[in-house]
Protein backbone atom coordinates (compact mmCIF):
# COMPACT_ATOMS: atom_id res chain seq x y z
CA MET A 1 6.69 16.78 -18.23
CA HIS A 2 3.05 16.11 -19.11
CA LYS A 3 0.25 17.52 -17.10
CA ALA A 4 -2.28 14.86 -15.83
CA SER A 5 -5.84 15.38 -16.74
CA SER A 6 -7.25 15.07 -13.27
CA LYS A 7 -6.00 15.40 -9.65
CA PRO A 8 -4.52 12.33 -8.16
CA VAL A 9 -6.81 10.40 -5.73
CA LEU A 10 -5.69 8.17 -2.90
CA VAL A 11 -6.76 4.50 -2.83
CA VAL A 12 -6.47 2.74 0.55
CA MET A 13 -6.51 -0.98 0.67
CA ALA A 14 -8.54 -1.76 3.81
CA ALA A 15 -10.38 -4.94 2.98
CA GLY A 16 -7.85 -7.15 4.83
CA MET A 17 -8.10 -4.97 7.91
CA GLY A 18 -7.71 -6.89 11.10
CA SER A 19 -7.26 -10.27 9.47
CA ARG A 20 -4.11 -10.81 11.51
CA TYR A 21 -5.73 -10.18 14.92
CA GLY A 22 -9.32 -11.16 14.28
CA GLY A 23 -10.66 -7.58 14.47
CA LEU A 24 -10.25 -4.12 13.01
CA LYS A 25 -6.68 -3.62 14.32
CA GLN A 26 -6.67 0.00 13.09
CA ILE A 27 -9.23 0.77 15.77
CA ASP A 28 -6.39 0.18 18.12
CA PRO A 29 -5.40 3.85 18.66
CA VAL A 30 -1.74 5.03 18.35
CA GLY A 31 -2.26 8.77 18.95
CA GLU A 32 -3.27 10.50 22.23
CA HIS A 33 -6.80 11.39 21.15
CA GLY A 34 -7.60 7.99 19.89
CA GLN A 35 -6.11 8.52 16.37
CA LEU A 36 -5.24 5.47 14.28
CA ILE A 37 -2.36 4.98 11.92
CA ILE A 38 -4.68 5.71 8.93
CA ASP A 39 -5.48 9.15 10.45
CA TYR A 40 -1.90 10.10 10.14
CA SER A 41 -1.66 8.65 6.67
CA ILE A 42 -4.64 10.73 5.52
CA TYR A 43 -3.26 13.91 7.30
CA ASP A 44 0.04 13.48 5.45
CA ALA A 45 -1.78 12.74 2.08
CA LYS A 46 -4.09 15.73 2.49
CA LYS A 47 -1.18 18.01 3.19
CA ALA A 48 0.51 16.66 0.07
CA GLY A 49 -2.54 17.68 -2.13
CA PHE A 50 -4.88 14.63 -2.12
CA GLU A 51 -8.45 15.67 -1.85
CA THR A 52 -10.26 12.45 -2.29
CA VAL A 53 -9.69 9.04 -0.57
CA ILE A 54 -11.24 5.75 -1.74
CA PHE A 55 -11.42 3.16 0.94
CA ILE A 56 -11.54 -0.50 -0.40
CA ILE A 57 -13.28 -2.44 2.40
CA LYS A 58 -15.39 -5.59 2.88
CA ARG A 59 -19.02 -4.75 2.51
CA GLU A 60 -19.79 -6.65 5.74
CA LEU A 61 -17.56 -4.24 7.63
CA GLU A 62 -18.89 -1.16 6.20
CA ASP A 63 -20.85 0.00 9.29
CA THR A 64 -17.89 -0.82 11.64
CA PHE A 65 -15.46 0.88 9.37
CA LYS A 66 -17.54 4.06 8.97
CA ALA A 67 -18.00 4.28 12.79
CA ALA A 68 -14.36 3.74 13.51
CA ILE A 69 -12.72 5.68 10.63
CA GLY A 70 -14.78 6.81 7.76
CA ASP A 71 -17.26 9.08 9.38
CA ARG A 72 -14.48 11.04 11.20
CA LEU A 73 -12.33 11.39 8.07
CA SER A 74 -15.26 12.45 5.87
CA LYS A 75 -15.29 15.75 7.78
CA VAL A 76 -11.87 16.67 6.45
CA ILE A 77 -11.51 14.91 3.02
CA ASP A 78 -13.79 13.51 0.29
CA VAL A 79 -14.38 9.91 1.32
CA LYS A 80 -15.64 7.23 -1.02
CA TYR A 81 -16.04 3.45 -0.68
CA ALA A 82 -15.36 0.49 -2.88
CA TYR A 83 -16.04 -3.16 -1.98
CA GLN A 84 -13.73 -6.01 -2.59
CA GLU A 85 -16.05 -8.94 -3.29
CA LEU A 86 -15.11 -12.52 -4.25
CA SER A 87 -17.79 -12.53 -6.78
CA ASP A 88 -16.42 -9.58 -8.60
CA LEU A 89 -15.15 -11.56 -11.51
CA PRO A 90 -15.12 -11.35 -15.32
CA GLU A 91 -18.17 -12.72 -17.16
CA GLY A 92 -18.03 -16.44 -17.35
CA TYR A 93 -16.07 -17.05 -14.14
CA ALA A 94 -17.42 -18.20 -10.79
CA VAL A 95 -16.08 -18.34 -7.33
CA PRO A 96 -14.70 -21.83 -6.59
CA GLU A 97 -16.81 -23.86 -4.15
CA GLY A 98 -15.49 -23.43 -0.63
CA ARG A 99 -13.21 -20.42 -1.39
CA ALA A 100 -13.32 -17.83 1.36
CA LYS A 101 -9.91 -16.05 0.75
CA PRO A 102 -10.00 -12.70 -1.15
CA TRP A 103 -8.32 -12.67 -4.59
CA GLY A 104 -5.34 -10.48 -3.52
CA THR A 105 -4.14 -6.94 -3.80
CA ALA A 106 -4.54 -6.41 -7.68
CA HIS A 107 -8.18 -7.62 -7.23
CA ALA A 108 -8.50 -5.12 -4.22
CA ALA A 109 -7.23 -2.22 -6.44
CA LEU A 110 -9.77 -3.34 -9.14
CA ALA A 111 -12.62 -2.73 -6.74
CA ALA A 112 -11.95 0.99 -7.31
CA ARG A 113 -12.17 0.86 -11.08
CA HIS A 114 -15.60 2.43 -11.28
CA LEU A 115 -14.51 5.42 -9.17
CA VAL A 116 -11.13 6.22 -10.62
CA ASP A 117 -10.73 7.97 -13.95
CA GLY A 118 -7.31 9.49 -13.58
CA PRO A 119 -4.06 9.13 -11.64
CA PHE A 120 -4.10 7.45 -8.25
CA ALA A 121 -1.82 6.30 -5.44
CA VAL A 122 -2.29 3.04 -3.53
CA ILE A 123 -1.37 2.43 0.05
CA ASN A 124 -1.97 -0.21 2.73
CA SER A 125 -4.42 0.85 5.54
CA ASP A 126 -2.31 -0.12 8.46
CA ASP A 127 1.06 1.18 7.52
CA TYR A 128 2.71 4.56 8.57
CA TYR A 129 4.53 5.87 5.61
CA GLY A 130 5.43 9.47 6.56
CA ALA A 131 4.85 12.74 4.84
CA GLU A 132 7.84 12.53 2.38
CA GLY A 133 6.43 9.58 0.37
CA PHE A 134 2.90 11.23 -0.03
CA ARG A 135 4.51 14.40 -1.34
CA ALA A 136 6.75 12.57 -3.72
CA ILE A 137 3.97 10.33 -5.27
CA TYR A 138 1.45 13.19 -5.45
CA ASP A 139 3.88 15.52 -7.22
CA TYR A 140 4.87 12.69 -9.65
CA LEU A 141 1.35 11.79 -10.57
CA LEU A 142 0.40 15.47 -10.91
CA THR A 143 3.07 16.10 -13.55
CA HIS A 144 3.29 12.66 -15.55
CA GLN A 145 0.78 11.02 -17.85
CA ASP A 146 0.96 8.04 -20.24
CA ASP A 147 2.91 8.64 -23.43
CA GLU A 148 5.36 6.13 -24.99
CA PHE A 149 4.97 4.20 -21.70
CA TYR A 150 2.41 3.88 -18.95
CA GLU A 151 4.12 6.22 -16.43
CA TYR A 152 3.87 4.64 -13.02
CA ALA A 153 5.93 5.29 -9.75
CA MET A 154 6.54 3.78 -6.44
CA VAL A 155 8.10 5.20 -3.30
CA GLY A 156 11.11 3.17 -2.14
CA PHE A 157 12.17 3.19 1.56
CA HIS A 158 15.48 2.28 3.04
CA VAL A 159 15.35 -1.23 4.37
CA GLY A 160 16.97 -0.12 7.64
CA ASN A 161 13.96 2.18 8.23
CA THR A 162 11.43 -0.61 7.82
CA VAL A 163 12.71 -3.41 10.00
CA THR A 164 11.42 -4.43 13.46
CA GLU A 165 13.18 -5.38 16.64
CA HIS A 166 10.69 -8.25 17.15
CA GLY A 167 11.29 -10.83 14.37
CA THR A 168 11.73 -11.11 10.69
CA VAL A 169 9.77 -9.27 7.97
CA ALA A 170 9.19 -9.83 4.23
CA ARG A 171 10.11 -7.00 1.92
CA GLY A 172 10.30 -6.55 -1.80
CA VAL A 173 13.96 -5.51 -2.67
CA CYS A 174 14.12 -3.20 -5.52
CA ALA A 175 16.54 -3.26 -8.41
CA GLU A 176 16.55 -0.14 -10.59
CA ASP A 177 18.53 1.22 -13.59
CA GLY A 178 20.74 4.29 -13.76
CA ASP A 179 17.73 6.55 -14.26
CA HIS A 180 15.96 5.14 -11.21
CA TYR A 181 13.35 3.13 -13.21
CA LEU A 182 12.36 -0.19 -11.67
CA LYS A 183 14.06 -3.23 -12.99
CA GLU A 184 12.56 -5.84 -10.72
CA VAL A 185 11.25 -6.39 -7.18
CA VAL A 186 12.61 -9.50 -5.37
CA GLU A 187 10.61 -10.77 -2.43
CA ARG A 188 12.78 -11.64 0.48
CA THR A 189 10.55 -13.28 3.05
CA LYS A 190 12.93 -13.40 6.00
CA ILE A 191 14.77 -10.07 6.69
CA GLU A 192 15.88 -9.21 10.15
CA LYS A 193 17.44 -6.07 11.73
CA THR A 194 21.25 -5.75 12.28
CA ALA A 195 23.47 -3.10 13.74
CA SER A 196 24.31 -1.78 10.29
CA GLY A 197 20.98 -2.29 8.47
CA ALA A 198 19.45 -5.72 7.73
CA ARG A 199 20.15 -9.17 6.46
CA PHE A 200 18.06 -11.97 4.89
CA THR A 201 18.17 -15.68 4.77
CA GLU A 202 16.72 -18.03 2.19
CA ASP A 203 17.61 -21.32 4.02
CA ASP A 204 16.04 -20.81 7.49
CA GLY A 205 19.03 -19.16 9.06
CA ALA A 206 21.79 -21.52 7.83
CA SER A 207 23.30 -18.61 5.91
CA TRP A 208 22.62 -14.85 5.70
CA THR A 209 23.21 -12.01 3.17
CA ASP A 210 23.70 -8.55 4.36
CA LEU A 211 21.61 -5.72 3.09
CA PRO A 212 23.08 -2.14 3.51
CA PHE A 213 20.72 0.23 5.42
CA ASP A 214 19.99 2.23 2.34
CA THR A 215 18.89 -0.75 0.21
CA ILE A 216 15.62 0.33 -1.46
CA VAL A 217 12.55 -1.74 -0.58
CA SER A 218 8.86 -1.52 -1.64
CA MET A 219 6.30 -0.82 1.08
CA ASN A 220 3.38 -0.77 -1.36
CA LEU A 221 3.18 2.84 -1.92
CA TRP A 222 2.46 2.95 -5.65
CA GLY A 223 1.32 5.53 -8.12
CA PHE A 224 -0.57 4.67 -11.21
CA THR A 225 -2.46 6.08 -14.17
CA ARG A 226 -5.97 4.80 -14.87
CA SER A 227 -4.26 2.34 -17.40
CA TYR A 228 -3.16 0.10 -14.48
CA LEU A 229 -6.74 -0.80 -13.72
CA ASP A 230 -7.65 -1.47 -17.30
CA GLU A 231 -4.63 -3.68 -17.73
CA ALA A 232 -5.22 -5.54 -14.41
CA TRP A 233 -8.78 -6.21 -15.39
CA ALA A 234 -7.72 -7.44 -18.90
CA ARG A 235 -5.24 -9.86 -17.46
CA PHE A 236 -7.46 -11.15 -14.70
CA PRO A 237 -8.95 -14.08 -16.82
CA ALA A 238 -5.39 -15.47 -17.61
CA PHE A 239 -4.64 -15.34 -13.81
CA LEU A 240 -8.01 -17.11 -13.06
CA ASP A 241 -7.52 -19.73 -15.71
CA LYS A 242 -4.20 -20.82 -14.19
CA THR A 243 -5.31 -20.33 -10.52
CA LEU A 244 -8.57 -22.19 -10.89
CA ARG A 245 -6.58 -25.11 -12.30
CA GLU A 246 -3.57 -25.06 -9.89
CA ASN A 247 -4.67 -23.36 -6.61
CA PRO A 248 -8.41 -22.56 -6.59
CA GLN A 249 -8.73 -22.02 -2.80
CA LYS A 250 -5.66 -19.78 -2.12
CA GLY A 251 -4.20 -18.43 -5.35
CA GLU A 252 -3.92 -14.60 -5.26
CA TYR A 253 -3.64 -11.89 -7.89
CA PHE A 254 -0.92 -9.53 -6.64
CA LEU A 255 -0.67 -5.86 -7.56
CA PRO A 256 3.22 -6.05 -8.20
CA THR A 257 2.70 -9.13 -10.46
CA VAL A 258 0.79 -7.00 -12.91
CA VAL A 259 3.43 -4.18 -12.71
CA SER A 260 6.10 -6.78 -13.40
CA GLN A 261 4.35 -8.08 -16.46
CA LEU A 262 3.73 -4.54 -17.91
CA VAL A 263 7.50 -3.64 -17.30
CA ASP A 264 8.70 -6.85 -18.85
CA GLU A 265 6.58 -6.34 -21.86
CA GLY A 266 7.86 -2.80 -22.20
CA LYS A 267 4.42 -1.19 -21.78
CA ALA A 268 5.15 0.50 -18.46
CA ARG A 269 7.97 2.00 -16.62
CA VAL A 270 8.08 2.63 -12.89
CA LYS A 271 9.98 5.60 -11.47
CA VAL A 272 11.42 4.68 -8.05
CA LEU A 273 11.04 7.69 -5.88
CA ARG A 274 12.75 8.04 -2.39
CA SER A 275 11.59 8.52 1.21
CA THR A 276 14.06 8.72 3.90
CA ASP A 277 11.17 8.63 6.51
CA LYS A 278 11.05 5.67 8.93
CA TRP A 279 8.28 3.36 8.05
CA TYR A 280 6.16 1.85 10.96
CA GLY A 281 3.68 -0.96 11.00
CA VAL A 282 2.33 -3.43 13.42
CA THR A 283 3.69 -6.72 12.04
CA TYR A 284 3.93 -8.16 15.61
CA GLN A 285 1.92 -7.16 18.66
CA ALA A 286 5.12 -5.83 20.27
CA ASP A 287 5.53 -3.36 17.50
CA LYS A 288 2.58 -1.24 18.70
CA PRO A 289 4.29 0.51 21.54
CA VAL A 290 7.06 1.50 19.15
CA VAL A 291 4.50 3.12 16.75
CA VAL A 292 2.83 4.85 19.73
CA ALA A 293 6.12 6.31 20.87
CA ALA A 294 7.12 7.33 17.38
CA ILE A 295 3.81 9.24 16.85
CA ALA A 296 4.16 10.86 20.25
CA GLU A 297 7.70 11.98 19.37
CA LYS A 298 6.50 13.42 15.97
CA THR A 299 3.65 15.26 17.64
CA ARG A 300 6.10 16.72 20.20
CA ALA A 301 8.29 17.82 17.45
CA GLY A 302 5.41 19.69 15.80
CA LEU A 303 5.06 17.49 12.75
CA TYR A 304 1.38 16.65 13.72
CA PRO A 305 -1.01 18.53 16.00
CA SER A 306 -1.91 16.75 19.17
CA ASP A 307 -5.54 16.80 18.29
CA LEU A 308 -5.13 15.88 14.54
CA TRP A 309 -8.34 16.99 13.10
CA GLY A 310 -9.45 19.67 15.72
CA VAL A 311 -12.47 17.41 16.66
CA ALA A 312 -11.24 15.81 19.85
CA GLU A 313 -13.86 14.81 22.23
């Protein structure tokens, strides 16, 4: 094991916040004192050892975000901000006329490149991951650094713990080798819950393939060394050259795409860690009461204090 040079920090991708509902959906509380999903993620991350969180946000939402989330959390953890901006491009590139869509999750992570100098974990702002995943990723990042390979990690969840009663979901199904290093992530865009786990279709329901409950899927809980940001920035021009030619308005630079390139080239390896926690997210409006009930149950069971930060009104 190799000791990392600095403590892992947590990067939270919040620039897409609210795009599904036309507002800051995390402002919709899930806890009894108005806590949001992100409050519980930060609570679990802090307990795991994280001392700094970097929120990647849109600059125009900064005041709203700070009022709803950041100012409260800055009382309990070191909060920093990075801004995902369309114009944050390598020299010689410009935003195509008419483009409003952000450049994707790899570009979002790159917004933090000026603030991150060591290992870091990345999560989505509006997903509930549970304590186990944060412990696993923090401990891994603390004890591994780049050597023969870039040493990355991801926390895999059992697919049966990530499906909803209210429709289909998209998940990255993970294939790994005998030592639990990632071989590939295959995106399945239509997965639905079954009695024994889940199943997916690739032909709009004409045929289905079963996925056992414990099939490992990626929920975008990644752990990287600083090298990821350097590689993602170095590879950005090649992505832009292709996208500006083929899909200038909508093409996106995805975080797992860069990971896959590095794994395929033998530069990086990704340890697939495990969480048996149930993942919660609000994919559909009808999912929200499920999240509220789950948080209430965890609070009753003593996993969280009712007044999470001791600062209830």
